Amino acid sequence: MNMTVAELEAAARQRLEAARVPTADVAAVAWACAWLDACGYAGLKLLIEALGDDRRELELVRDGLGIDLKGMSCAWLATRLMGEVERHGRVFLRNVRHGLYLLPFAVRANIGIGCPVDPAFALGGERTGNPYAEKLARAQCHGVEVDEESWRLLQG
């Protein structure tokens, strides 16, 4: 199913608002969802999974190994984790779920990110280019292929 990036972002935003996601997070999560799908990742599918979670809040506490995310979705933590990196520098993450949701924010901030599908990866460092610009431009011109089952579930 093909749609524009803007349509996908608006639909994600509407679903997030209906799910009573904190207002401060709605725009960022909806943007990241559309960004991921525009770059060929399953942002919508991951968002549907995250919406089924009971927990959306976690105190971010650094310890000797970094931060334990306790299996909570990065859809709900990405903006806070990016703020943590801005304030305190690179961090190693453990028990990561939906780590791909960090990718749009890391690219936008031009910082490095470890393997986002690994259950433990570092966030921080320096990025020397934007490998996603071409994919995003293509999606803006030609739309985004969205998984139909995920789209149906988003519509509720």
N, C-alpha and C. Protein backbone atom coordinates (compact mmCIF):
# COMPACT_ATOMS: atom_id res chain seq x y z
N MET A 1 0.85 -1.16 0.00
CA MET A 1 0.00 0.00 0.00
C MET A 1 0.91 1.24 0.00
N ASN A 2 0.68 2.15 -0.93
CA ASN A 2 1.52 3.33 -1.07
C ASN A 2 0.79 4.56 -0.55
N MET A 3 1.52 5.39 0.20
CA MET A 3 0.97 6.64 0.69
C MET A 3 2.11 7.64 0.85
N THR A 4 1.76 8.88 1.06
CA THR A 4 2.80 9.88 1.23
C THR A 4 3.36 9.79 2.65
N VAL A 5 4.55 10.33 2.80
CA VAL A 5 5.17 10.39 4.12
C VAL A 5 4.27 11.19 5.07
N ALA A 6 3.73 12.28 4.58
CA ALA A 6 2.86 13.14 5.40
C ALA A 6 1.60 12.39 5.85
N GLU A 7 1.01 11.59 4.96
CA GLU A 7 -0.18 10.82 5.33
C GLU A 7 0.13 9.81 6.42
N LEU A 8 1.27 9.14 6.28
CA LEU A 8 1.66 8.16 7.29
C LEU A 8 1.91 8.83 8.63
N GLU A 9 2.61 9.95 8.61
CA GLU A 9 2.90 10.67 9.85
C GLU A 9 1.61 11.15 10.51
N ALA A 10 0.67 11.67 9.73
CA ALA A 10 -0.60 12.16 10.28
C ALA A 10 -1.41 11.01 10.88
N ALA A 11 -1.43 9.87 10.21
CA ALA A 11 -2.17 8.71 10.73
C ALA A 11 -1.54 8.20 12.02
N ALA A 12 -0.22 8.16 12.07
CA ALA A 12 0.48 7.73 13.29
C ALA A 12 0.18 8.70 14.43
N ARG A 13 0.21 9.99 14.13
CA ARG A 13 -0.07 11.00 15.14
C ARG A 13 -1.49 10.82 15.70
N GLN A 14 -2.43 10.61 14.82
CA GLN A 14 -3.82 10.43 15.24
C GLN A 14 -3.97 9.21 16.16
N ARG A 15 -3.31 8.11 15.78
CA ARG A 15 -3.38 6.88 16.59
C ARG A 15 -2.71 7.08 17.95
N LEU A 16 -1.59 7.78 17.97
CA LEU A 16 -0.88 8.05 19.22
C LEU A 16 -1.73 8.92 20.15
N GLU A 17 -2.39 9.91 19.58
CA GLU A 17 -3.27 10.76 20.38
C GLU A 17 -4.44 9.96 20.95
N ALA A 18 -5.00 9.08 20.13
CA ALA A 18 -6.10 8.23 20.58
C ALA A 18 -5.66 7.28 21.69
N ALA A 19 -4.39 6.88 21.67
CA ALA A 19 -3.84 5.98 22.68
C ALA A 19 -3.38 6.74 23.93
N ARG A 20 -3.62 8.04 23.94
CA ARG A 20 -3.26 8.90 25.08
C ARG A 20 -1.77 8.89 25.39
N VAL A 21 -0.97 8.86 24.33
CA VAL A 21 0.47 9.01 24.49
C VAL A 21 0.71 10.45 24.90
N PRO A 22 1.64 10.71 25.84
CA PRO A 22 1.88 12.09 26.27
C PRO A 22 2.10 13.02 25.07
N THR A 23 1.44 14.16 25.11
CA THR A 23 1.45 15.12 24.00
C THR A 23 2.86 15.47 23.55
N ALA A 24 3.79 15.60 24.48
CA ALA A 24 5.16 15.97 24.13
C ALA A 24 5.83 14.94 23.23
N ASP A 25 5.39 13.69 23.30
CA ASP A 25 6.01 12.62 22.52
C ASP A 25 5.32 12.35 21.19
N VAL A 26 4.08 12.74 21.04
CA VAL A 26 3.28 12.37 19.87
C VAL A 26 3.94 12.79 18.56
N ALA A 27 4.30 14.04 18.42
CA ALA A 27 4.87 14.52 17.16
C ALA A 27 6.18 13.82 16.84
N ALA A 28 7.03 13.64 17.84
CA ALA A 28 8.33 13.00 17.62
C ALA A 28 8.19 11.54 17.22
N VAL A 29 7.31 10.81 17.89
CA VAL A 29 7.12 9.39 17.59
C VAL A 29 6.48 9.23 16.21
N ALA A 30 5.50 10.06 15.88
CA ALA A 30 4.86 9.99 14.57
C ALA A 30 5.87 10.30 13.46
N TRP A 31 6.69 11.33 13.67
CA TRP A 31 7.73 11.67 12.69
C TRP A 31 8.70 10.51 12.52
N ALA A 32 9.15 9.91 13.62
CA ALA A 32 10.11 8.81 13.54
C ALA A 32 9.50 7.60 12.84
N CYS A 33 8.23 7.33 13.08
CA CYS A 33 7.54 6.22 12.42
C CYS A 33 7.56 6.41 10.91
N ALA A 34 7.17 7.59 10.45
CA ALA A 34 7.15 7.88 9.01
C ALA A 34 8.56 7.88 8.44
N TRP A 35 9.52 8.42 9.17
CA TRP A 35 10.93 8.45 8.73
C TRP A 35 11.43 7.03 8.51
N LEU A 36 11.16 6.16 9.47
CA LEU A 36 11.64 4.78 9.36
C LEU A 36 11.04 4.08 8.15
N ASP A 37 9.74 4.20 7.96
CA ASP A 37 9.12 3.56 6.80
C ASP A 37 9.63 4.16 5.50
N ALA A 38 9.88 5.47 5.48
CA ALA A 38 10.40 6.12 4.28
C ALA A 38 11.79 5.59 3.92
N CYS A 39 12.53 5.14 4.93
CA CYS A 39 13.89 4.61 4.71
C CYS A 39 13.91 3.09 4.58
N GLY A 40 12.74 2.48 4.50
CA GLY A 40 12.67 1.04 4.26
C GLY A 40 12.65 0.17 5.50
N TYR A 41 12.48 0.77 6.67
CA TYR A 41 12.38 0.00 7.90
C TYR A 41 10.91 -0.15 8.30
N ALA A 42 10.63 -1.04 9.21
CA ALA A 42 9.25 -1.32 9.62
C ALA A 42 8.82 -0.44 10.79
N GLY A 43 8.88 0.88 10.61
CA GLY A 43 8.51 1.80 11.67
C GLY A 43 7.08 1.63 12.13
N LEU A 44 6.17 1.48 11.20
CA LEU A 44 4.75 1.32 11.55
C LEU A 44 4.52 0.03 12.31
N LYS A 45 5.12 -1.04 11.85
CA LYS A 45 4.96 -2.33 12.54
C LYS A 45 5.49 -2.25 13.97
N LEU A 46 6.65 -1.62 14.15
CA LEU A 46 7.22 -1.48 15.49
C LEU A 46 6.33 -0.59 16.37
N LEU A 47 5.75 0.45 15.77
CA LEU A 47 4.86 1.32 16.54
C LEU A 47 3.63 0.56 17.02
N ILE A 48 3.06 -0.27 16.17
CA ILE A 48 1.90 -1.07 16.57
C ILE A 48 2.27 -1.96 17.75
N GLU A 49 3.45 -2.59 17.69
CA GLU A 49 3.90 -3.42 18.81
C GLU A 49 4.05 -2.57 20.08
N ALA A 50 4.67 -1.40 19.95
CA ALA A 50 4.90 -0.54 21.11
C ALA A 50 3.58 -0.07 21.73
N LEU A 51 2.59 0.19 20.89
CA LEU A 51 1.29 0.63 21.41
C LEU A 51 0.62 -0.43 22.27
N GLY A 52 1.01 -1.68 22.08
CA GLY A 52 0.47 -2.76 22.90
C GLY A 52 1.13 -2.92 24.25
N ASP A 53 2.19 -2.17 24.49
CA ASP A 53 2.93 -2.25 25.76
C ASP A 53 2.17 -1.58 26.89
N ASP A 54 2.33 -2.10 28.09
CA ASP A 54 1.72 -1.50 29.27
C ASP A 54 2.51 -0.30 29.77
N ARG A 55 3.85 -0.35 29.62
CA ARG A 55 4.71 0.71 30.16
C ARG A 55 5.19 1.65 29.05
N ARG A 56 5.19 2.94 29.38
CA ARG A 56 5.72 3.95 28.46
C ARG A 56 6.64 4.92 29.18
N GLU A 57 6.86 4.69 30.46
CA GLU A 57 7.73 5.56 31.25
C GLU A 57 8.82 4.72 31.90
N LEU A 58 10.02 5.27 31.94
CA LEU A 58 11.15 4.61 32.58
C LEU A 58 12.14 5.67 33.03
N GLU A 59 12.58 5.58 34.26
CA GLU A 59 13.62 6.48 34.73
C GLU A 59 14.94 6.04 34.11
N LEU A 60 15.62 6.96 33.45
CA LEU A 60 16.89 6.66 32.80
C LEU A 60 18.01 6.84 33.82
N VAL A 61 18.60 5.73 34.22
CA VAL A 61 19.65 5.75 35.24
C VAL A 61 20.91 5.13 34.66
N ARG A 62 21.98 5.90 34.63
CA ARG A 62 23.27 5.38 34.19
C ARG A 62 23.91 4.60 35.33
N ASP A 63 24.50 3.46 34.96
CA ASP A 63 25.28 2.70 35.92
C ASP A 63 26.62 2.41 35.27
N GLY A 64 27.40 1.53 35.83
CA GLY A 64 28.73 1.25 35.31
C GLY A 64 28.74 0.68 33.90
N LEU A 65 27.61 0.17 33.44
CA LEU A 65 27.51 -0.42 32.11
C LEU A 65 26.72 0.44 31.13
N GLY A 66 26.15 1.52 31.57
CA GLY A 66 25.33 2.37 30.70
C GLY A 66 23.94 2.55 31.26
N ILE A 67 22.92 2.30 30.43
CA ILE A 67 21.52 2.41 30.87
C ILE A 67 20.79 1.13 30.50
N ASP A 68 20.10 0.56 31.47
CA ASP A 68 19.27 -0.62 31.24
C ASP A 68 17.87 -0.13 30.86
N LEU A 69 17.45 -0.42 29.62
CA LEU A 69 16.13 0.02 29.16
C LEU A 69 15.03 -0.97 29.54
N LYS A 70 15.41 -2.07 30.14
CA LYS A 70 14.46 -3.05 30.69
C LYS A 70 13.42 -3.53 29.68
N GLY A 71 13.82 -3.61 28.43
CA GLY A 71 12.94 -4.12 27.38
C GLY A 71 11.86 -3.15 26.95
N MET A 72 11.93 -1.92 27.39
CA MET A 72 10.92 -0.93 27.01
C MET A 72 11.19 -0.41 25.61
N SER A 73 10.15 -0.13 24.86
CA SER A 73 10.29 0.31 23.48
C SER A 73 10.98 1.66 23.38
N CYS A 74 11.92 1.74 22.46
CA CYS A 74 12.59 3.03 22.20
C CYS A 74 11.66 4.03 21.52
N ALA A 75 10.51 3.58 21.04
CA ALA A 75 9.53 4.54 20.53
C ALA A 75 9.17 5.53 21.63
N TRP A 76 9.12 5.06 22.88
CA TRP A 76 8.74 5.92 24.00
C TRP A 76 9.95 6.59 24.65
N LEU A 77 11.15 6.13 24.35
CA LEU A 77 12.34 6.62 25.05
C LEU A 77 13.30 7.43 24.18
N ALA A 78 13.12 7.42 22.87
CA ALA A 78 14.12 7.99 21.96
C ALA A 78 14.44 9.45 22.25
N THR A 79 13.45 10.29 22.42
CA THR A 79 13.75 11.71 22.64
C THR A 79 14.46 11.93 23.97
N ARG A 80 14.08 11.18 24.98
CA ARG A 80 14.75 11.31 26.28
C ARG A 80 16.18 10.78 26.21
N LEU A 81 16.39 9.68 25.49
CA LEU A 81 17.74 9.15 25.33
C LEU A 81 18.63 10.13 24.57
N MET A 82 18.09 10.76 23.56
CA MET A 82 18.87 11.75 22.82
C MET A 82 19.25 12.92 23.72
N GLY A 83 18.34 13.34 24.58
CA GLY A 83 18.65 14.40 25.54
C GLY A 83 19.74 13.97 26.51
N GLU A 84 19.68 12.73 26.92
CA GLU A 84 20.70 12.17 27.82
C GLU A 84 22.08 12.20 27.16
N VAL A 85 22.13 11.85 25.88
CA VAL A 85 23.41 11.86 25.15
C VAL A 85 23.90 13.30 24.97
N GLU A 86 23.00 14.22 24.67
CA GLU A 86 23.39 15.63 24.54
C GLU A 86 24.01 16.17 25.83
N ARG A 87 23.42 15.81 26.94
CA ARG A 87 23.89 16.33 28.24
C ARG A 87 25.13 15.61 28.76
N HIS A 88 25.19 14.29 28.57
CA HIS A 88 26.22 13.50 29.26
C HIS A 88 27.11 12.67 28.33
N GLY A 89 26.90 12.76 27.04
CA GLY A 89 27.75 12.02 26.09
C GLY A 89 27.30 10.60 25.84
N ARG A 90 28.11 9.92 25.09
CA ARG A 90 27.83 8.56 24.63
C ARG A 90 27.38 7.65 25.76
N VAL A 91 26.45 6.74 25.43
CA VAL A 91 25.93 5.81 26.43
C VAL A 91 25.75 4.43 25.78
N PHE A 92 26.03 3.42 26.54
CA PHE A 92 25.81 2.04 26.13
C PHE A 92 24.44 1.62 26.64
N LEU A 93 23.62 1.04 25.77
CA LEU A 93 22.25 0.67 26.14
C LEU A 93 22.12 -0.85 26.24
N ARG A 94 21.38 -1.28 27.25
CA ARG A 94 21.12 -2.71 27.44
C ARG A 94 19.61 -2.97 27.41
N ASN A 95 19.28 -4.21 27.08
CA ASN A 95 17.88 -4.64 27.05
C ASN A 95 17.02 -3.69 26.22
N VAL A 96 17.49 -3.45 25.01
CA VAL A 96 16.87 -2.51 24.08
C VAL A 96 15.74 -3.22 23.31
N ARG A 97 14.64 -2.53 23.18
CA ARG A 97 13.51 -3.01 22.36
C ARG A 97 13.15 -1.91 21.37
N HIS A 98 12.99 -2.27 20.12
CA HIS A 98 12.67 -1.31 19.06
C HIS A 98 13.74 -0.23 18.95
N GLY A 99 14.99 -0.65 19.00
CA GLY A 99 16.11 0.28 18.92
C GLY A 99 16.14 1.10 17.65
N LEU A 100 15.50 0.62 16.59
CA LEU A 100 15.46 1.38 15.35
C LEU A 100 14.83 2.75 15.55
N TYR A 101 13.99 2.92 16.56
CA TYR A 101 13.37 4.22 16.80
C TYR A 101 14.39 5.29 17.21
N LEU A 102 15.60 4.88 17.56
CA LEU A 102 16.65 5.86 17.85
C LEU A 102 17.30 6.38 16.57
N LEU A 103 17.24 5.60 15.51
CA LEU A 103 17.94 5.94 14.28
C LEU A 103 17.55 7.30 13.68
N PRO A 104 16.27 7.62 13.51
CA PRO A 104 15.93 8.93 12.92
C PRO A 104 16.48 10.10 13.73
N PHE A 105 16.44 9.97 15.04
CA PHE A 105 16.92 11.05 15.91
C PHE A 105 18.44 11.17 15.85
N ALA A 106 19.13 10.02 15.79
CA ALA A 106 20.59 10.03 15.70
C ALA A 106 21.04 10.64 14.38
N VAL A 107 20.36 10.31 13.29
CA VAL A 107 20.71 10.88 11.98
C VAL A 107 20.45 12.38 11.98
N ARG A 108 19.30 12.79 12.50
CA ARG A 108 18.97 14.21 12.54
C ARG A 108 19.99 15.00 13.37
N ALA A 109 20.47 14.41 14.46
CA ALA A 109 21.45 15.08 15.32
C ALA A 109 22.88 14.88 14.81
N ASN A 110 23.02 14.10 13.75
CA ASN A 110 24.33 13.83 13.15
C ASN A 110 25.30 13.17 14.13
N ILE A 111 24.78 12.20 14.89
CA ILE A 111 25.64 11.44 15.79
C ILE A 111 25.63 9.97 15.38
N GLY A 112 26.65 9.27 15.76
CA GLY A 112 26.76 7.85 15.43
C GLY A 112 25.84 7.01 16.28
N ILE A 113 25.55 5.84 15.77
CA ILE A 113 24.72 4.89 16.52
C ILE A 113 25.26 3.51 16.21
N GLY A 114 25.32 2.67 17.24
CA GLY A 114 25.72 1.29 17.03
C GLY A 114 24.61 0.55 16.32
N CYS A 115 24.75 -0.71 16.16
CA CYS A 115 23.76 -1.53 15.46
C CYS A 115 22.41 -1.47 16.18
N PRO A 116 21.39 -0.86 15.59
CA PRO A 116 20.12 -0.69 16.29
C PRO A 116 19.29 -1.96 16.42
N VAL A 117 19.72 -3.07 15.82
CA VAL A 117 18.97 -4.30 15.99
C VAL A 117 19.66 -5.23 16.98
N ASP A 118 20.82 -4.84 17.46
CA ASP A 118 21.54 -5.58 18.47
C ASP A 118 20.87 -5.31 19.81
N PRO A 119 20.75 -6.29 20.69
CA PRO A 119 20.12 -6.03 21.99
C PRO A 119 20.92 -5.10 22.88
N ALA A 120 22.15 -4.78 22.50
CA ALA A 120 22.96 -3.84 23.29
C ALA A 120 23.84 -3.05 22.32
N PHE A 121 23.69 -1.73 22.31
CA PHE A 121 24.48 -0.91 21.41
C PHE A 121 24.70 0.46 22.00
N ALA A 122 25.72 1.13 21.49
CA ALA A 122 26.06 2.46 22.00
C ALA A 122 25.37 3.53 21.17
N LEU A 123 25.01 4.61 21.81
CA LEU A 123 24.42 5.76 21.15
C LEU A 123 25.30 6.95 21.44
N GLY A 124 25.76 7.63 20.42
CA GLY A 124 26.64 8.77 20.57
C GLY A 124 27.75 8.71 19.53
N GLY A 125 28.69 9.59 19.61
CA GLY A 125 29.76 9.62 18.63
C GLY A 125 29.48 10.64 17.55
N GLU A 126 30.21 10.55 16.46
CA GLU A 126 30.09 11.55 15.41
C GLU A 126 29.79 10.89 14.07
N ARG A 127 28.83 11.44 13.37
CA ARG A 127 28.45 10.95 12.05
C ARG A 127 29.05 11.90 11.04
N THR A 128 29.57 11.36 9.93
CA THR A 128 30.22 12.23 8.94
C THR A 128 29.35 12.48 7.71
N GLY A 129 28.18 11.90 7.62
CA GLY A 129 27.30 12.13 6.49
C GLY A 129 25.92 11.59 6.79
N ASN A 130 24.98 11.85 5.93
CA ASN A 130 23.61 11.36 6.12
C ASN A 130 23.31 10.31 5.05
N PRO A 131 23.43 9.03 5.41
CA PRO A 131 23.20 7.98 4.43
C PRO A 131 21.73 7.80 4.07
N TYR A 132 20.84 8.53 4.71
CA TYR A 132 19.41 8.35 4.49
C TYR A 132 18.77 9.45 3.64
N ALA A 133 19.52 10.48 3.30
CA ALA A 133 18.96 11.62 2.56
C ALA A 133 18.33 11.18 1.24
N GLU A 134 19.01 10.32 0.52
CA GLU A 134 18.48 9.87 -0.78
C GLU A 134 17.20 9.06 -0.60
N LYS A 135 17.16 8.19 0.39
CA LYS A 135 15.95 7.40 0.63
C LYS A 135 14.78 8.30 1.01
N LEU A 136 15.03 9.29 1.86
CA LEU A 136 13.97 10.21 2.28
C LEU A 136 13.47 11.04 1.11
N ALA A 137 14.36 11.49 0.26
CA ALA A 137 13.97 12.27 -0.91
C ALA A 137 13.11 11.42 -1.85
N ARG A 138 13.51 10.18 -2.05
CA ARG A 138 12.73 9.28 -2.92
C ARG A 138 11.34 9.05 -2.34
N ALA A 139 11.26 8.88 -1.03
CA ALA A 139 9.96 8.66 -0.39
C ALA A 139 9.07 9.89 -0.50
N GLN A 140 9.67 11.09 -0.42
CA GLN A 140 8.90 12.32 -0.57
C GLN A 140 8.30 12.42 -1.97
N CYS A 141 9.04 11.95 -2.96
CA CYS A 141 8.58 12.04 -4.35
C CYS A 141 7.62 10.91 -4.74
N HIS A 142 7.89 9.71 -4.25
CA HIS A 142 7.16 8.54 -4.73
C HIS A 142 6.28 7.86 -3.69
N GLY A 143 6.29 8.36 -2.47
CA GLY A 143 5.48 7.75 -1.43
C GLY A 143 6.23 6.64 -0.70
N VAL A 144 5.53 6.05 0.26
CA VAL A 144 6.08 5.02 1.13
C VAL A 144 5.24 3.77 0.99
N GLU A 145 5.88 2.63 0.84
CA GLU A 145 5.16 1.36 0.85
C GLU A 145 4.94 0.95 2.30
N VAL A 146 3.69 0.84 2.69
CA VAL A 146 3.34 0.53 4.07
C VAL A 146 2.75 -0.87 4.13
N ASP A 147 3.16 -1.61 5.12
CA ASP A 147 2.63 -2.94 5.36
C ASP A 147 1.12 -2.84 5.62
N GLU A 148 0.33 -3.54 4.82
CA GLU A 148 -1.13 -3.41 4.90
C GLU A 148 -1.70 -3.87 6.24
N GLU A 149 -1.16 -4.95 6.80
CA GLU A 149 -1.64 -5.43 8.09
C GLU A 149 -1.36 -4.41 9.18
N SER A 150 -0.17 -3.83 9.17
CA SER A 150 0.17 -2.80 10.16
C SER A 150 -0.74 -1.58 9.99
N TRP A 151 -1.01 -1.21 8.74
CA TRP A 151 -1.89 -0.08 8.47
C TRP A 151 -3.29 -0.34 9.03
N ARG A 152 -3.80 -1.54 8.81
CA ARG A 152 -5.12 -1.92 9.33
C ARG A 152 -5.14 -1.82 10.85
N LEU A 153 -4.09 -2.31 11.49
CA LEU A 153 -4.01 -2.25 12.95
C LEU A 153 -3.89 -0.82 13.46
N LEU A 154 -3.19 0.02 12.72
CA LEU A 154 -3.07 1.43 13.11
C LEU A 154 -4.44 2.10 13.09
N GLN A 155 -5.24 1.75 12.12
CA GLN A 155 -6.55 2.35 11.99
C GLN A 155 -7.51 1.91 13.11
N GLY A 156 -7.11 0.84 13.80
CA GLY A 156 -7.84 0.37 14.99
C GLY A 156 -9.15 -0.24 14.68
